[in-house]
PDB file of N, CA and C in Angstrom:
ATOM      1  N   MET A   1      -6.735  -6.031   7.694  1.00  0.00           N
ATOM      2  CA  MET A   1      -5.842  -6.610   6.714  1.00  0.00           C
ATOM      3  C   MET A   1      -6.303  -6.167   5.332  1.00  0.00           C
ATOM      4  N   VAL A   2      -5.360  -5.727   4.544  1.00  0.00           N
ATOM      5  CA  VAL A   2      -5.637  -5.302   3.178  1.00  0.00           C
ATOM      6  C   VAL A   2      -4.757  -6.108   2.250  1.00  0.00           C
ATOM      7  N   LYS A   3      -5.354  -6.741   1.262  1.00  0.00           N
ATOM      8  CA  LYS A   3      -4.601  -7.493   0.261  1.00  0.00           C
ATOM      9  C   LYS A   3      -4.645  -6.689  -1.025  1.00  0.00           C
ATOM     10  N   CYS A   4      -3.484  -6.282  -1.492  1.00  0.00           N
ATOM     11  CA  CYS A   4      -3.411  -5.478  -2.711  1.00  0.00           C
ATOM     12  C   CYS A   4      -2.950  -6.351  -3.861  1.00  0.00           C
ATOM     13  N   LYS A   5      -3.875  -6.779  -4.677  1.00  0.00           N
ATOM     14  CA  LYS A   5      -3.537  -7.524  -5.876  1.00  0.00           C
ATOM     15  C   LYS A   5      -3.560  -6.524  -7.008  1.00  0.00           C
ATOM     16  N   GLY A   6      -2.563  -6.559  -7.851  1.00  0.00           N
ATOM     17  CA  GLY A   6      -2.651  -5.665  -8.980  1.00  0.00           C
ATOM     18  C   GLY A   6      -1.353  -5.057  -9.447  1.00  0.00           C
ATOM     19  N   SER A   7      -0.216  -5.465  -8.912  1.00  0.00           N
ATOM     20  CA  SER A   7       1.022  -4.885  -9.421  1.00  0.00           C
ATOM     21  C   SER A   7       1.370  -5.461 -10.785  1.00  0.00           C
ATOM     22  N   GLU A   8       0.676  -6.531 -11.195  1.00  0.00           N
ATOM     23  CA  GLU A   8       0.945  -7.105 -12.500  1.00  0.00           C
ATOM     24  C   GLU A   8       0.504  -6.152 -13.600  1.00  0.00           C
ATOM     25  N   ARG A   9       1.045  -6.324 -14.754  1.00  0.00           N
ATOM     26  CA  ARG A   9       0.775  -5.435 -15.876  1.00  0.00           C
ATOM     27  C   ARG A   9      -0.607  -5.722 -16.479  1.00  0.00           C
ATOM     28  N   ASN A  10      -1.209  -4.724 -17.127  1.00  0.00           N
ATOM     29  CA  ASN A  10      -2.518  -4.899 -17.761  1.00  0.00           C
ATOM     30  C   ASN A  10      -2.497  -5.950 -18.859  1.00  0.00           C
ATOM     31  N   THR A  11      -1.361  -6.205 -19.468  1.00  0.00           N
ATOM     32  CA  THR A  11      -1.271  -7.198 -20.526  1.00  0.00           C
ATOM     33  C   THR A  11      -1.475  -8.605 -19.994  1.00  0.00           C
ATOM     34  N   LYS A  12      -1.380  -8.810 -18.690  1.00  0.00           N
ATOM     35  CA  LYS A  12      -1.528 -10.130 -18.103  1.00  0.00           C
ATOM     36  C   LYS A  12      -2.918 -10.358 -17.523  1.00  0.00           C
ATOM     37  N   LEU A  13      -3.842  -9.473 -17.773  1.00  0.00           N
ATOM     38  CA  LEU A  13      -5.182  -9.608 -17.207  1.00  0.00           C
ATOM     39  C   LEU A  13      -5.919 -10.762 -17.863  1.00  0.00           C
ATOM     40  N   ASP A  14      -6.661 -11.508 -17.054  1.00  0.00           N
ATOM     41  CA  ASP A  14      -7.492 -12.557 -17.617  1.00  0.00           C
ATOM     42  C   ASP A  14      -8.806 -11.943 -18.092  1.00  0.00           C
ATOM     43  N   GLY A  15      -9.578 -12.697 -18.841  1.00  0.00           N
ATOM     44  CA  GLY A  15     -10.806 -12.179 -19.431  1.00  0.00           C
ATOM     45  C   GLY A  15     -11.859 -11.774 -18.424  1.00  0.00           C
ATOM     46  N   SER A  16     -11.790 -12.292 -17.201  1.00  0.00           N
ATOM     47  CA  SER A  16     -12.827 -11.996 -16.219  1.00  0.00           C
ATOM     48  C   SER A  16     -12.675 -10.608 -15.590  1.00  0.00           C
ATOM     49  N   LEU A  17     -11.523 -10.006 -15.722  1.00  0.00           N
ATOM     50  CA  LEU A  17     -11.298  -8.686 -15.123  1.00  0.00           C
ATOM     51  C   LEU A  17     -11.307  -7.644 -16.227  1.00  0.00           C
ATOM     52  N   ARG A  18     -12.311  -6.775 -16.187  1.00  0.00           N
ATOM     53  CA  ARG A  18     -12.436  -5.766 -17.233  1.00  0.00           C
ATOM     54  C   ARG A  18     -11.350  -4.704 -17.108  1.00  0.00           C
ATOM     55  N   LEU A  19     -11.048  -4.092 -18.227  1.00  0.00           N
ATOM     56  CA  LEU A  19     -10.005  -3.066 -18.262  1.00  0.00           C
ATOM     57  C   LEU A  19     -10.337  -1.899 -17.347  1.00  0.00           C
ATOM     58  N   ARG A  20     -11.602  -1.528 -17.245  1.00  0.00           N
ATOM     59  CA  ARG A  20     -11.996  -0.410 -16.376  1.00  0.00           C
ATOM     60  C   ARG A  20     -11.689  -0.708 -14.907  1.00  0.00           C
ATOM     61  N   GLU A  21     -11.991  -1.935 -14.477  1.00  0.00           N
ATOM     62  CA  GLU A  21     -11.685  -2.330 -13.101  1.00  0.00           C
ATOM     63  C   GLU A  21     -10.180  -2.338 -12.876  1.00  0.00           C
ATOM     64  N   ALA A  22      -9.453  -2.848 -13.853  1.00  0.00           N
ATOM     65  CA  ALA A  22      -7.998  -2.901 -13.739  1.00  0.00           C
ATOM     66  C   ALA A  22      -7.410  -1.500 -13.642  1.00  0.00           C
ATOM     67  N   THR A  23      -7.972  -0.567 -14.398  1.00  0.00           N
ATOM     68  CA  THR A  23      -7.494   0.813 -14.357  1.00  0.00           C
ATOM     69  C   THR A  23      -7.741   1.429 -12.984  1.00  0.00           C
ATOM     70  N   THR A  24      -8.914   1.172 -12.415  1.00  0.00           N
ATOM     71  CA  THR A  24      -9.237   1.679 -11.078  1.00  0.00           C
ATOM     72  C   THR A  24      -8.284   1.109 -10.036  1.00  0.00           C
ATOM     73  N   ILE A  25      -8.010  -0.182 -10.134  1.00  0.00           N
ATOM     74  CA  ILE A  25      -7.080  -0.829  -9.206  1.00  0.00           C
ATOM     75  C   ILE A  25      -5.698  -0.207  -9.341  1.00  0.00           C
ATOM     76  N   GLN A  26      -5.244  -0.017 -10.573  1.00  0.00           N
ATOM     77  CA  GLN A  26      -3.918   0.556 -10.797  1.00  0.00           C
ATOM     78  C   GLN A  26      -3.828   1.984 -10.269  1.00  0.00           C
ATOM     79  N   LEU A  27      -4.894   2.763 -10.416  1.00  0.00           N
ATOM     80  CA  LEU A  27      -4.889   4.134  -9.898  1.00  0.00           C
ATOM     81  C   LEU A  27      -4.810   4.141  -8.377  1.00  0.00           C
ATOM     82  N   SER A  28      -5.536   3.231  -7.733  1.00  0.00           N
ATOM     83  CA  SER A  28      -5.482   3.143  -6.268  1.00  0.00           C
ATOM     84  C   SER A  28      -4.100   2.712  -5.799  1.00  0.00           C
ATOM     85  N   LEU A  29      -3.515   1.744  -6.488  1.00  0.00           N
ATOM     86  CA  LEU A  29      -2.175   1.289  -6.105  1.00  0.00           C
ATOM     87  C   LEU A  29      -1.127   2.363  -6.363  1.00  0.00           C
ATOM     88  N   SER A  30      -1.324   3.128  -7.419  1.00  0.00           N
ATOM     89  CA  SER A  30      -0.415   4.241  -7.696  1.00  0.00           C
ATOM     90  C   SER A  30      -0.514   5.299  -6.599  1.00  0.00           C
ATOM     91  N   ALA A  31      -1.738   5.588  -6.160  1.00  0.00           N
ATOM     92  CA  ALA A  31      -1.933   6.543  -5.061  1.00  0.00           C
ATOM     93  C   ALA A  31      -1.298   6.017  -3.780  1.00  0.00           C
ATOM     94  N   LEU A  32      -1.444   4.717  -3.523  1.00  0.00           N
ATOM     95  CA  LEU A  32      -0.822   4.111  -2.343  1.00  0.00           C
ATOM     96  C   LEU A  32       0.696   4.214  -2.422  1.00  0.00           C
ATOM     97  N   CYS A  33       1.243   3.977  -3.595  1.00  0.00           N
ATOM     98  CA  CYS A  33       2.692   4.099  -3.791  1.00  0.00           C
ATOM     99  C   CYS A  33       3.149   5.535  -3.538  1.00  0.00           C
ATOM    100  N   ASN A  34       2.369   6.510  -3.994  1.00  0.00           N
ATOM    101  CA  ASN A  34       2.716   7.918  -3.763  1.00  0.00           C
ATOM    102  C   ASN A  34       2.697   8.263  -2.281  1.00  0.00           C
ATOM    103  N   VAL A  35       1.709   7.745  -1.549  1.00  0.00           N
ATOM    104  CA  VAL A  35       1.631   7.989  -0.104  1.00  0.00           C
ATOM    105  C   VAL A  35       2.828   7.355   0.593  1.00  0.00           C
ATOM    106  N   ILE A  36       3.142   6.118   0.235  1.00  0.00           N
ATOM    107  CA  ILE A  36       4.275   5.424   0.855  1.00  0.00           C
ATOM    108  C   ILE A  36       5.579   6.154   0.556  1.00  0.00           C
ATOM    109  N   SER A  37       5.749   6.603  -0.681  1.00  0.00           N
ATOM    110  CA  SER A  37       6.964   7.348  -1.034  1.00  0.00           C
ATOM    111  C   SER A  37       7.060   8.653  -0.250  1.00  0.00           C
ATOM    112  N   SER A  38       5.939   9.351  -0.102  1.00  0.00           N
ATOM    113  CA  SER A  38       5.936  10.608   0.654  1.00  0.00           C
ATOM    114  C   SER A  38       6.251  10.374   2.123  1.00  0.00           C
ATOM    115  N   LEU A  39       5.670   9.318   2.695  1.00  0.00           N
ATOM    116  CA  LEU A  39       5.930   9.015   4.106  1.00  0.00           C
ATOM    117  C   LEU A  39       7.373   8.576   4.337  1.00  0.00           C
ATOM    118  N   ALA A  40       7.946   7.875   3.372  1.00  0.00           N
ATOM    119  CA  ALA A  40       9.321   7.397   3.510  1.00  0.00           C
ATOM    120  C   ALA A  40      10.335   8.528   3.355  1.00  0.00           C
ATOM    121  N   ASP A  41       9.946   9.599   2.675  1.00  0.00           N
ATOM    122  CA  ASP A  41      10.829  10.744   2.458  1.00  0.00           C
ATOM    123  C   ASP A  41      10.635  11.747   3.592  1.00  0.00           C
ATOM    124  N   GLU A  42      11.624  11.884   4.433  1.00  0.00           N
ATOM    125  CA  GLU A  42      11.536  12.780   5.594  1.00  0.00           C
ATOM    126  C   GLU A  42      11.347  14.242   5.201  1.00  0.00           C
ATOM    127  N   ARG A  43      11.725  14.598   3.982  1.00  0.00           N
ATOM    128  CA  ARG A  43      11.604  15.986   3.527  1.00  0.00           C
ATOM    129  C   ARG A  43      10.205  16.323   3.019  1.00  0.00           C
ATOM    130  N   SER A  44       9.386  15.307   2.824  1.00  0.00           N
ATOM    131  CA  SER A  44       8.048  15.523   2.274  1.00  0.00           C
ATOM    132  C   SER A  44       7.168  16.284   3.263  1.00  0.00           C
ATOM    133  N   VAL A  45       6.505  17.329   2.767  1.00  0.00           N
ATOM    134  CA  VAL A  45       5.635  18.131   3.631  1.00  0.00           C
ATOM    135  C   VAL A  45       4.161  17.801   3.417  1.00  0.00           C
ATOM    136  N   HIS A  46       3.829  17.179   2.295  1.00  0.00           N
ATOM    137  CA  HIS A  46       2.431  16.833   1.996  1.00  0.00           C
ATOM    138  C   HIS A  46       2.323  15.336   1.731  1.00  0.00           C
ATOM    139  N   ILE A  47       1.377  14.699   2.404  1.00  0.00           N
ATOM    140  CA  ILE A  47       1.102  13.285   2.185  1.00  0.00           C
ATOM    141  C   ILE A  47      -0.241  13.214   1.453  1.00  0.00           C
ATOM    142  N   PRO A  48      -0.275  12.688   0.220  1.00  0.00           N
ATOM    143  CA  PRO A  48      -1.500  12.726  -0.592  1.00  0.00           C
ATOM    144  C   PRO A  48      -2.525  11.632  -0.258  1.00  0.00           C
ATOM    145  N   TYR A  49      -2.978  11.596   0.993  1.00  0.00           N
ATOM    146  CA  TYR A  49      -3.958  10.593   1.414  1.00  0.00           C
ATOM    147  C   TYR A  49      -5.272  10.696   0.636  1.00  0.00           C
ATOM    148  N   ARG A  50      -5.652  11.886   0.215  1.00  0.00           N
ATOM    149  CA  ARG A  50      -6.961  12.098  -0.416  1.00  0.00           C
ATOM    150  C   ARG A  50      -7.001  11.709  -1.891  1.00  0.00           C
ATOM    151  N   ASP A  51      -5.928  11.163  -2.408  1.00  0.00           N
ATOM    152  CA  ASP A  51      -5.898  10.812  -3.826  1.00  0.00           C
ATOM    153  C   ASP A  51      -6.724   9.577  -4.171  1.00  0.00           C
ATOM    154  N   SER A  52      -7.066   8.761  -3.189  1.00  0.00           N
ATOM    155  CA  SER A  52      -7.903   7.586  -3.461  1.00  0.00           C
ATOM    156  C   SER A  52      -8.630   7.153  -2.194  1.00  0.00           C
ATOM    157  N   LYS A  53      -9.685   6.373  -2.385  1.00  0.00           N
ATOM    158  CA  LYS A  53     -10.424   5.845  -1.238  1.00  0.00           C
ATOM    159  C   LYS A  53      -9.532   4.920  -0.420  1.00  0.00           C
ATOM    160  N   LEU A  54      -8.697   4.147  -1.106  1.00  0.00           N
ATOM    161  CA  LEU A  54      -7.806   3.210  -0.418  1.00  0.00           C
ATOM    162  C   LEU A  54      -6.875   3.939   0.540  1.00  0.00           C
ATOM    163  N   THR A  55      -6.244   5.003   0.084  1.00  0.00           N
ATOM    164  CA  THR A  55      -5.298   5.717   0.946  1.00  0.00           C
ATOM    165  C   THR A  55      -6.009   6.464   2.072  1.00  0.00           C
ATOM    166  N   ARG A  56      -7.239   6.912   1.822  1.00  0.00           N
ATOM    167  CA  ARG A  56      -8.008   7.535   2.910  1.00  0.00           C
ATOM    168  C   ARG A  56      -8.350   6.512   3.981  1.00  0.00           C
ATOM    169  N   LEU A  57      -8.722   5.307   3.564  1.00  0.00           N
ATOM    170  CA  LEU A  57      -9.039   4.247   4.525  1.00  0.00           C
ATOM    171  C   LEU A  57      -7.820   3.812   5.329  1.00  0.00           C
ATOM    172  N   LEU A  58      -6.655   3.848   4.702  1.00  0.00           N
ATOM    173  CA  LEU A  58      -5.432   3.381   5.356  1.00  0.00           C
ATOM    174  C   LEU A  58      -4.652   4.487   6.059  1.00  0.00           C
ATOM    175  N   GLN A  59      -5.178   5.685   6.095  1.00  0.00           N
ATOM    176  CA  GLN A  59      -4.442   6.835   6.624  1.00  0.00           C
ATOM    177  C   GLN A  59      -3.900   6.607   8.030  1.00  0.00           C
ATOM    178  N   LEU A  60      -4.694   6.074   8.936  1.00  0.00           N
ATOM    179  CA  LEU A  60      -4.211   5.854  10.304  1.00  0.00           C
ATOM    180  C   LEU A  60      -3.191   4.721  10.380  1.00  0.00           C
ATOM    181  N   SER A  61      -3.228   3.820   9.408  1.00  0.00           N
ATOM    182  CA  SER A  61      -2.276   2.709   9.393  1.00  0.00           C
ATOM    183  C   SER A  61      -0.964   3.082   8.722  1.00  0.00           C
ATOM    184  N   LEU A  62      -0.985   4.138   7.928  1.00  0.00           N
ATOM    185  CA  LEU A  62       0.217   4.573   7.212  1.00  0.00           C
ATOM    186  C   LEU A  62       0.724   5.870   7.824  1.00  0.00           C
ATOM    187  N   GLY A  63       1.732   5.777   8.641  1.00  0.00           N
ATOM    188  CA  GLY A  63       2.291   6.964   9.258  1.00  0.00           C
ATOM    189  C   GLY A  63       1.488   7.487  10.425  1.00  0.00           C
ATOM    190  N   GLY A  64       0.537   6.719  10.890  1.00  0.00           N
ATOM    191  CA  GLY A  64      -0.320   7.155  11.988  1.00  0.00           C
ATOM    192  C   GLY A  64      -0.040   6.402  13.273  1.00  0.00           C
ATOM    193  N   PRO A  65      -1.055   6.291  14.134  1.00  0.00           N
ATOM    194  CA  PRO A  65      -0.862   5.691  15.452  1.00  0.00           C
ATOM    195  C   PRO A  65      -1.006   4.167  15.477  1.00  0.00           C
ATOM    196  N   ALA A  66      -1.091   3.530  14.324  1.00  0.00           N
ATOM    197  CA  ALA A  66      -1.305   2.081  14.285  1.00  0.00           C
ATOM    198  C   ALA A  66       0.011   1.324  14.128  1.00  0.00           C
ATOM    199  N   ARG A  67      -0.028   0.080  14.497  1.00  0.00           N
ATOM    200  CA  ARG A  67       1.098  -0.823  14.249  1.00  0.00           C
ATOM    201  C   ARG A  67       0.776  -1.537  12.936  1.00  0.00           C
ATOM    202  N   THR A  68       1.647  -1.415  11.958  1.00  0.00           N
ATOM    203  CA  THR A  68       1.370  -1.906  10.610  1.00  0.00           C
ATOM    204  C   THR A  68       2.435  -2.891  10.160  1.00  0.00           C
ATOM    205  N   VAL A  69       2.006  -3.937   9.471  1.00  0.00           N
ATOM    206  CA  VAL A  69       2.913  -4.942   8.915  1.00  0.00           C
ATOM    207  C   VAL A  69       2.658  -5.021   7.412  1.00  0.00           C
ATOM    208  N   PHE A  70       3.714  -4.951   6.615  1.00  0.00           N
ATOM    209  CA  PHE A  70       3.621  -5.129   5.174  1.00  0.00           C
ATOM    210  C   PHE A  70       4.214  -6.480   4.819  1.00  0.00           C
ATOM    211  N   LEU A  71       3.515  -7.225   3.995  1.00  0.00           N
ATOM    212  CA  LEU A  71       4.026  -8.481   3.465  1.00  0.00           C
ATOM    213  C   LEU A  71       4.140  -8.325   1.960  1.00  0.00           C
ATOM    214  N   ALA A  72       5.286  -8.678   1.409  1.00  0.00           N
ATOM    215  CA  ALA A  72       5.489  -8.583  -0.030  1.00  0.00           C
ATOM    216  C   ALA A  72       5.749  -9.983  -0.576  1.00  0.00           C
ATOM    217  N   ASN A  73       5.005 -10.359  -1.595  1.00  0.00           N
ATOM    218  CA  ASN A  73       5.176 -11.663  -2.231  1.00  0.00           C
ATOM    219  C   ASN A  73       5.845 -11.483  -3.575  1.00  0.00           C
ATOM    220  N   ILE A  74       6.867 -12.286  -3.823  1.00  0.00           N
ATOM    221  CA  ILE A  74       7.557 -12.231  -5.104  1.00  0.00           C
ATOM    222  C   ILE A  74       7.618 -13.629  -5.700  1.00  0.00           C
ATOM    223  N   CYS A  75       7.891 -13.681  -6.987  1.00  0.00           N
ATOM    224  CA  CYS A  75       7.978 -14.939  -7.718  1.00  0.00           C
ATOM    225  C   CYS A  75       9.438 -15.206  -8.058  1.00  0.00           C
ATOM    226  N   GLN A  76       9.838 -16.460  -7.962  1.00  0.00           N
ATOM    227  CA  GLN A  76      11.240 -16.799  -8.224  1.00  0.00           C
ATOM    228  C   GLN A  76      11.544 -17.036  -9.703  1.00  0.00           C
ATOM    229  N   GLU A  77      10.533 -17.039 -10.562  1.00  0.00           N
ATOM    230  CA  GLU A  77      10.747 -17.297 -11.981  1.00  0.00           C
ATOM    231  C   GLU A  77      11.424 -16.107 -12.657  1.00  0.00           C
ATOM    232  N   ALA A  78      12.319 -16.409 -13.589  1.00  0.00           N
ATOM    233  CA  ALA A  78      13.048 -15.361 -14.301  1.00  0.00           C
ATOM    234  C   ALA A  78      12.103 -14.446 -15.079  1.00  0.00           C
ATOM    235  N   ALA A  79      11.005 -14.995 -15.575  1.00  0.00           N
ATOM    236  CA  ALA A  79      10.048 -14.194 -16.343  1.00  0.00           C
ATOM    237  C   ALA A  79       9.383 -13.121 -15.483  1.00  0.00           C
ATOM    238  N   SER A  80       9.402 -13.289 -14.183  1.00  0.00           N
ATOM    239  CA  SER A  80       8.770 -12.333 -13.266  1.00  0.00           C
ATOM    240  C   SER A  80       9.780 -11.418 -12.584  1.00  0.00           C
ATOM    241  N   PHE A  81      10.992 -11.383 -13.085  1.00  0.00           N
ATOM    242  CA  PHE A  81      12.055 -10.612 -12.438  1.00  0.00           C
ATOM    243  C   PHE A  81      11.681  -9.142 -12.254  1.00  0.00           C
ATOM    244  N   ASP A  82      11.188  -8.500 -13.316  1.00  0.00           N
ATOM    245  CA  ASP A  82      10.874  -7.064 -13.233  1.00  0.00           C
ATOM    246  C   ASP A  82       9.794  -6.774 -12.196  1.00  0.00           C
ATOM    247  N   GLU A  83       8.747  -7.606 -12.170  1.00  0.00           N
ATOM    248  CA  GLU A  83       7.681  -7.403 -11.194  1.00  0.00           C
ATOM    249  C   GLU A  83       8.171  -7.669  -9.776  1.00  0.00           C
ATOM    250  N   SER A  84       9.022  -8.689  -9.615  1.00  0.00           N
ATOM    251  CA  SER A  84       9.563  -8.994  -8.285  1.00  0.00           C
ATOM    252  C   SER A  84      10.454  -7.860  -7.793  1.00  0.00           C
ATOM    253  N   LEU A  85      11.272  -7.317  -8.676  1.00  0.00           N
ATOM    254  CA  LEU A  85      12.136  -6.197  -8.309  1.00  0.00           C
ATOM    255  C   LEU A  85      11.304  -4.974  -7.924  1.00  0.00           C
ATOM    256  N   SER A  86      10.247  -4.713  -8.682  1.00  0.00           N
ATOM    257  CA  SER A  86       9.353  -3.601  -8.365  1.00  0.00           C
ATOM    258  C   SER A  86       8.706  -3.798  -6.996  1.00  0.00           C
ATOM    259  N   THR A  87       8.284  -5.017  -6.697  1.00  0.00           N
ATOM    260  CA  THR A  87       7.678  -5.328  -5.398  1.00  0.00           C
ATOM    261  C   THR A  87       8.674  -5.115  -4.272  1.00  0.00           C
ATOM    262  N   LEU A  88       9.916  -5.543  -4.468  1.00  0.00           N
ATOM    263  CA  LEU A  88      10.940  -5.373  -3.434  1.00  0.00           C
ATOM    264  C   LEU A  88      11.270  -3.901  -3.209  1.00  0.00           C
ATOM    265  N   ARG A  89      11.292  -3.116  -4.259  1.00  0.00           N
ATOM    266  CA  ARG A  89      11.534  -1.672  -4.107  1.00  0.00           C
ATOM    267  C   ARG A  89      10.382  -1.012  -3.347  1.00  0.00           C
ATOM    268  N   TYR A  90       9.175  -1.429  -3.655  1.00  0.00           N
ATOM    269  CA  TYR A  90       7.977  -0.935  -2.972  1.00  0.00           C
ATOM    270  C   TYR A  90       8.043  -1.270  -1.483  1.00  0.00           C
ATOM    271  N   ALA A  91       8.401  -2.515  -1.176  1.00  0.00           N
ATOM    272  CA  ALA A  91       8.515  -2.948   0.221  1.00  0.00           C
ATOM    273  C   ALA A  91       9.634  -2.194   0.937  1.00  0.00           C
ATOM    274  N   ASN A  92      10.715  -1.908   0.237  1.00  0.00           N
ATOM    275  CA  ASN A  92      11.816  -1.156   0.838  1.00  0.00           C
ATOM    276  C   ASN A  92      11.367   0.252   1.222  1.00  0.00           C
ATOM    277  N   ARG A  93      10.604   0.899   0.342  1.00  0.00           N
ATOM    278  CA  ARG A  93      10.068   2.228   0.679  1.00  0.00           C
ATOM    279  C   ARG A  93       9.133   2.134   1.880  1.00  0.00           C
ATOM    280  N   ALA A  94       8.284   1.120   1.890  1.00  0.00           N
ATOM    281  CA  ALA A  94       7.333   0.956   3.001  1.00  0.00           C
ATOM    282  C   ALA A  94       8.057   0.723   4.319  1.00  0.00           C
ATOM    283  N   SER A  95       9.210   0.074   4.273  1.00  0.00           N
ATOM    284  CA  SER A  95       9.953  -0.208   5.511  1.00  0.00           C
ATOM    285  C   SER A  95      10.517   1.058   6.153  1.00  0.00           C
ATOM    286  N   LYS A  96      10.558   2.142   5.398  1.00  0.00           N
ATOM    287  CA  LYS A  96      11.107   3.400   5.918  1.00  0.00           C
ATOM    288  C   LYS A  96      10.056   4.281   6.594  1.00  0.00           C
ATOM    289  N   ILE A  97       8.802   3.828   6.596  1.00  0.00           N
ATOM    290  CA  ILE A  97       7.729   4.600   7.236  1.00  0.00           C
ATOM    291  C   ILE A  97       7.823   4.431   8.743  1.00  0.00           C
ATOM    292  N   ASN A  98       7.782   5.541   9.458  1.00  0.00           N
ATOM    293  CA  ASN A  98       7.811   5.510  10.919  1.00  0.00           C
ATOM    294  C   ASN A  98       6.423   5.812  11.467  1.00  0.00           C
ATOM    295  N   ASN A  99       5.782   4.795  11.986  1.00  0.00           N
ATOM    296  CA  ASN A  99       4.506   4.984  12.679  1.00  0.00           C
ATOM    297  C   ASN A  99       4.795   5.266  14.138  1.00  0.00           C
ATOM    298  N   ALA A 100       3.842   5.845  14.820  1.00  0.00           N
ATOM    299  CA  ALA A 100       3.968   6.120  16.250  1.00  0.00           C
ATOM    300  C   ALA A 100       2.801   5.444  16.967  1.00  0.00           C
ATOM    301  N   PRO A 101       2.899   4.109  17.186  1.00  0.00           N
ATOM    302  CA  PRO A 101       1.785   3.397  17.822  1.00  0.00           C
ATOM    303  C   PRO A 101       1.444   3.969  19.189  1.00  0.00           C
ATOM    304  N   LEU A 102       0.159   4.081  19.457  1.00  0.00           N
ATOM    305  CA  LEU A 102      -0.333   4.579  20.736  1.00  0.00           C
ATOM    306  C   LEU A 102      -1.135   3.487  21.425  1.00  0.00           C
ATOM    307  N   ALA A 103      -0.917   3.336  22.709  1.00  0.00           N
ATOM    308  CA  ALA A 103      -1.727   2.408  23.491  1.00  0.00           C
ATOM    309  C   ALA A 103      -3.033   3.109  23.819  1.00  0.00           C
ATOM    310  N   MET A 104      -4.120   2.486  23.471  1.00  0.00           N
ATOM    311  CA  MET A 104      -5.432   3.061  23.748  1.00  0.00           C
ATOM    312  C   MET A 104      -5.888   2.550  25.108  1.00  0.00           C
ATOM    313  N   VAL A 105      -5.781   3.397  26.110  1.00  0.00           N
ATOM    314  CA  VAL A 105      -6.131   3.019  27.473  1.00  0.00           C
ATOM    315  C   VAL A 105      -7.449   3.681  27.831  1.00  0.00           C
ATOM    316  N   GLY A 106      -8.346   2.888  28.329  1.00  0.00           N
ATOM    317  CA  GLY A 106      -9.633   3.448  28.717  1.00  0.00           C
ATOM    318  C   GLY A 106     -10.547   2.361  29.237  1.00  0.00           C
ATOM    319  N   TYR A 107     -11.636   2.778  29.789  1.00  0.00           N
ATOM    320  CA  TYR A 107     -12.604   1.858  30.363  1.00  0.00           C
ATOM    321  C   TYR A 107     -13.721   1.630  29.353  1.00  0.00           C
ATOM    322  N   VAL A 108     -13.961   0.380  29.017  1.00  0.00           N
ATOM    323  CA  VAL A 108     -15.057   0.029  28.127  1.00  0.00           C
ATOM    324  C   VAL A 108     -16.024  -0.834  28.916  1.00  0.00           C
ATOM    325  N   PRO A 109     -17.215  -0.328  29.213  1.00  0.00           N
ATOM    326  CA  PRO A 109     -18.172  -1.113  30.008  1.00  0.00           C
ATOM    327  C   PRO A 109     -18.684  -2.309  29.216  1.00  0.00           C
ATOM    328  N   LEU A 110     -18.834  -3.430  29.885  1.00  0.00           N
ATOM    329  CA  LEU A 110     -19.392  -4.627  29.269  1.00  0.00           C
ATOM    330  C   LEU A 110     -20.899  -4.595  29.420  1.00  0.00           C
ATOM    331  N   HIS A 111     -21.601  -4.883  28.377  1.00  0.00           N
ATOM    332  CA  HIS A 111     -23.073  -4.840  28.418  1.00  0.00           C
ATOM    333  C   HIS A 111     -23.635  -6.174  28.801  1.00  0.00           C
TER     334      HIS A 111
END
């Protein structure tokens, strides 16, 4: 399970989260968005998994042999409309990814 916090804007950061950390989070989420967009586009020939550690870790779960579930949380407040719309668009792209789950059959000896 991966929880991605960080679609909020840098202007909303609290004092405990430094700008450098926020920038790193945003870069990882941007790389994840690029991978999801590439996987959702059937014409895409290159999937940029190597753009971040996050996307490298999730490679088998994104377009690979795993069964993957995306959960998107949105806020009902009018002030959060833009962020909620962005989240829904992100989830819509993710819903277009076709994974090919494989059953792992084999003998595992019990010790």
